[in-house]
Amino acid sequence: MPTKSVILVVDDHKDTLFALESALAPLGYPLLSASSGDDALRVILRGEVGLILLDVRMPGVSGLDVVRYVRHLDQTRSIPIVLLTGFDVSREIAAAAFLLGVADVALKPIDPLTLRTKVRYLFDTYEQLKSMRHEIDDLRAQLKAGTTEPTNDSHSTPRRVPSPQVES
């Protein structure tokens, strides 16, 4: 089983980071925080981020800039992102966000129960998808090597896969 991913919380206000981390703590998921778009990108590029909670408006690299960058890389393209904003969401920001494939846009302050529900669903779904991708990759490697190994019985020995018989 692959290692569990972390949730990245990004906001340029320390009190908001603290509030979001406190709201998520009861879930028991591993959390990392960043206070700028640049810091967020450094964490994301190190890998193992399974969900990003991202402030839209930050000095320098904005939340939308981070989303654009993340969506252009194969290894980060499927990470679910929830954009957070303390301002009303304009049609332009919402349209740009959803065209970039964000999972949701939420207004701050966000109700802790609502936040935990969204995070639990998105993070757990991402982890399941990641696990299935690893299993598929393992099966492809086994097929390429000409062996298969049952996934439910770890005590079985690999067996040779017969070549398909072509009738003339």
Protein backbone atom coordinates (compact mmCIF):
# COMPACT_ATOMS: atom_id res chain seq x y z
CA MET A 1 0.00 0.00 0.00
CA PRO A 2 1.40 3.41 -0.92
CA THR A 3 2.19 5.89 1.82
CA LYS A 4 -0.64 8.13 2.85
CA SER A 5 -0.66 11.59 1.39
CA VAL A 6 -0.85 14.86 3.30
CA ILE A 7 -3.33 17.70 3.17
CA LEU A 8 -1.75 21.05 2.31
CA VAL A 9 -3.41 24.14 3.78
CA VAL A 10 -2.32 27.41 2.17
CA ASP A 11 -3.18 30.91 3.41
CA ASP A 12 -1.15 34.07 3.88
CA HIS A 13 -2.85 34.81 7.24
CA LYS A 14 -1.47 32.81 10.17
CA ASP A 15 -4.76 33.02 12.11
CA THR A 16 -6.66 31.52 9.18
CA LEU A 17 -4.10 28.71 8.88
CA PHE A 18 -4.52 28.00 12.59
CA ALA A 19 -8.34 27.98 12.29
CA LEU A 20 -8.30 25.63 9.30
CA GLU A 21 -5.79 23.28 10.93
CA SER A 22 -7.85 23.26 14.14
CA ALA A 23 -11.03 22.48 12.20
CA LEU A 24 -9.30 19.58 10.42
CA ALA A 25 -7.48 18.14 13.45
CA PRO A 26 -10.37 15.82 14.50
CA LEU A 27 -10.00 13.95 11.18
CA GLY A 28 -6.51 12.82 12.14
CA TYR A 29 -5.10 13.32 8.65
CA PRO A 30 -1.50 14.49 8.22
CA LEU A 31 -1.41 18.24 7.58
CA LEU A 32 1.18 20.63 6.18
CA SER A 33 0.79 24.37 5.89
CA ALA A 34 2.22 27.07 3.67
CA SER A 35 1.82 30.83 3.89
CA SER A 36 2.41 31.73 0.24
CA GLY A 37 1.88 30.41 -3.25
CA ASP A 38 5.64 29.92 -3.68
CA ASP A 39 5.86 27.87 -0.48
CA ALA A 40 2.83 25.84 -1.56
CA LEU A 41 4.44 24.99 -4.90
CA ARG A 42 7.63 23.84 -3.16
CA VAL A 43 5.62 21.47 -0.94
CA ILE A 44 3.49 20.21 -3.82
CA LEU A 45 6.52 19.49 -6.02
CA ARG A 46 8.10 17.37 -3.26
CA GLY A 47 5.15 15.01 -3.74
CA GLU A 48 2.67 13.14 -1.56
CA VAL A 49 0.09 15.93 -1.38
CA GLY A 50 -3.38 14.42 -1.59
CA LEU A 51 -5.54 17.53 -1.16
CA ILE A 52 -4.93 21.27 -1.28
CA LEU A 53 -6.97 23.88 0.59
CA LEU A 54 -5.86 27.08 -1.07
CA ASP A 55 -6.54 30.77 -0.46
CA VAL A 56 -7.43 32.55 -3.71
CA ARG A 57 -5.97 35.97 -2.89
CA MET A 58 -2.37 35.98 -1.71
CA PRO A 59 0.43 38.42 -2.45
CA GLY A 60 2.80 37.28 -5.18
CA VAL A 61 1.70 33.91 -6.51
CA SER A 62 -2.10 33.76 -6.15
CA GLY A 63 -4.18 30.67 -5.52
CA LEU A 64 -5.30 30.57 -9.15
CA ASP A 65 -1.65 30.78 -10.26
CA VAL A 66 -0.88 27.75 -8.08
CA VAL A 67 -3.84 25.86 -9.58
CA ARG A 68 -2.70 26.68 -13.12
CA TYR A 69 0.79 25.38 -12.42
CA VAL A 70 -0.42 22.23 -10.63
CA ARG A 71 -2.82 21.34 -13.44
CA HIS A 72 -0.06 21.51 -16.06
CA LEU A 73 2.09 18.80 -14.45
CA ASP A 74 1.25 15.13 -14.90
CA GLN A 75 2.27 14.16 -11.36
CA THR A 76 0.03 16.81 -9.72
CA ARG A 77 -2.85 17.12 -12.18
CA SER A 78 -5.29 14.93 -10.25
CA ILE A 79 -4.79 16.43 -6.78
CA PRO A 80 -8.14 17.77 -5.57
CA ILE A 81 -8.11 21.48 -4.77
CA VAL A 82 -10.57 23.53 -2.72
CA LEU A 83 -10.18 27.26 -3.22
CA LEU A 84 -10.98 29.40 -0.19
CA THR A 85 -11.80 33.08 -0.28
CA GLY A 86 -12.83 35.70 2.26
CA PHE A 87 -14.51 37.75 -0.47
CA ASP A 88 -17.56 37.09 -2.57
CA VAL A 89 -16.66 34.83 -5.44
CA SER A 90 -16.96 36.71 -8.70
CA ARG A 91 -18.21 34.92 -11.76
CA GLU A 92 -14.80 35.34 -13.36
CA ILE A 93 -12.94 33.70 -10.46
CA ALA A 94 -15.49 30.90 -10.16
CA ALA A 95 -15.44 30.25 -13.92
CA ALA A 96 -11.63 30.25 -14.04
CA ALA A 97 -11.43 27.97 -11.00
CA PHE A 98 -13.87 25.39 -12.30
CA LEU A 99 -12.36 25.46 -15.80
CA LEU A 100 -9.04 24.60 -14.13
CA GLY A 101 -10.71 21.66 -12.42
CA VAL A 102 -10.93 22.71 -8.78
CA ALA A 103 -13.21 20.56 -6.66
CA ASP A 104 -14.91 23.49 -4.90
CA VAL A 105 -14.76 27.19 -4.11
CA ALA A 106 -15.74 28.03 -0.52
CA LEU A 107 -16.21 31.25 1.40
CA LYS A 108 -14.25 31.87 4.60
CA PRO A 109 -14.97 31.49 7.38
CA ILE A 110 -16.15 27.99 6.50
CA ASP A 111 -18.18 25.93 8.91
CA PRO A 112 -15.83 23.31 10.46
CA LEU A 113 -18.28 20.44 9.95
CA THR A 114 -18.77 21.38 6.30
CA LEU A 115 -15.01 21.65 5.84
CA ARG A 116 -14.35 18.27 7.45
CA THR A 117 -17.05 16.64 5.32
CA LYS A 118 -15.58 18.02 2.07
CA VAL A 119 -12.05 17.17 3.09
CA ARG A 120 -12.89 13.62 4.20
CA TYR A 121 -14.66 12.88 0.92
CA LEU A 122 -12.04 14.45 -1.37
CA PHE A 123 -9.00 13.12 0.50
CA ASP A 124 -10.33 9.57 0.93
CA THR A 125 -11.40 9.44 -2.72
CA TYR A 126 -7.95 10.61 -3.82
CA GLU A 127 -6.27 7.98 -1.63
CA GLN A 128 -8.49 5.24 -3.09
CA LEU A 129 -7.75 6.40 -6.63
CA LYS A 130 -4.01 6.49 -5.88
CA SER A 131 -4.18 2.97 -4.44
CA MET A 132 -6.03 1.68 -7.52
CA ARG A 133 -3.45 3.31 -9.82
CA HIS A 134 -0.63 1.57 -7.94
CA GLU A 135 -2.47 -1.75 -8.19
CA ILE A 136 -3.01 -1.26 -11.93
CA ASP A 137 0.67 -0.40 -12.40
CA ASP A 138 1.67 -3.54 -10.46
CA LEU A 139 -0.65 -5.69 -12.57
CA ARG A 140 0.71 -4.19 -15.79
CA ALA A 141 4.25 -4.92 -14.65
CA GLN A 142 3.28 -8.50 -13.82
CA LEU A 143 1.61 -8.96 -17.19
CA LYS A 144 4.65 -7.56 -18.94
CA ALA A 145 6.86 -9.99 -17.01
CA GLY A 146 4.50 -12.85 -17.87
CA THR A 147 3.41 -13.53 -14.31
CA THR A 148 0.41 -12.66 -12.24
CA GLU A 149 0.04 -12.73 -8.52
CA PRO A 150 -3.36 -12.85 -6.85
CA THR A 151 -3.97 -9.61 -4.96
CA ASN A 152 -6.14 -11.19 -2.23
CA ASP A 153 -3.81 -14.06 -1.31
CA SER A 154 -0.29 -12.87 -0.54
CA HIS A 155 0.88 -16.43 0.26
CA SER A 156 0.44 -17.74 -3.28
CA THR A 157 3.41 -18.00 -5.57
CA PRO A 158 3.36 -16.23 -8.91
CA ARG A 159 2.06 -18.34 -11.76
CA ARG A 160 2.81 -18.23 -15.42
CA VAL A 161 0.13 -16.67 -17.58
CA PRO A 162 -0.58 -18.93 -20.58
CA SER A 163 -0.15 -17.38 -23.99
CA PRO A 164 -3.37 -17.06 -25.95
CA GLN A 165 -3.86 -19.88 -28.45
CA VAL A 166 -4.57 -18.77 -31.96
CA GLU A 167 -6.52 -21.22 -34.06
CA SER A 168 -5.72 -21.41 -37.77
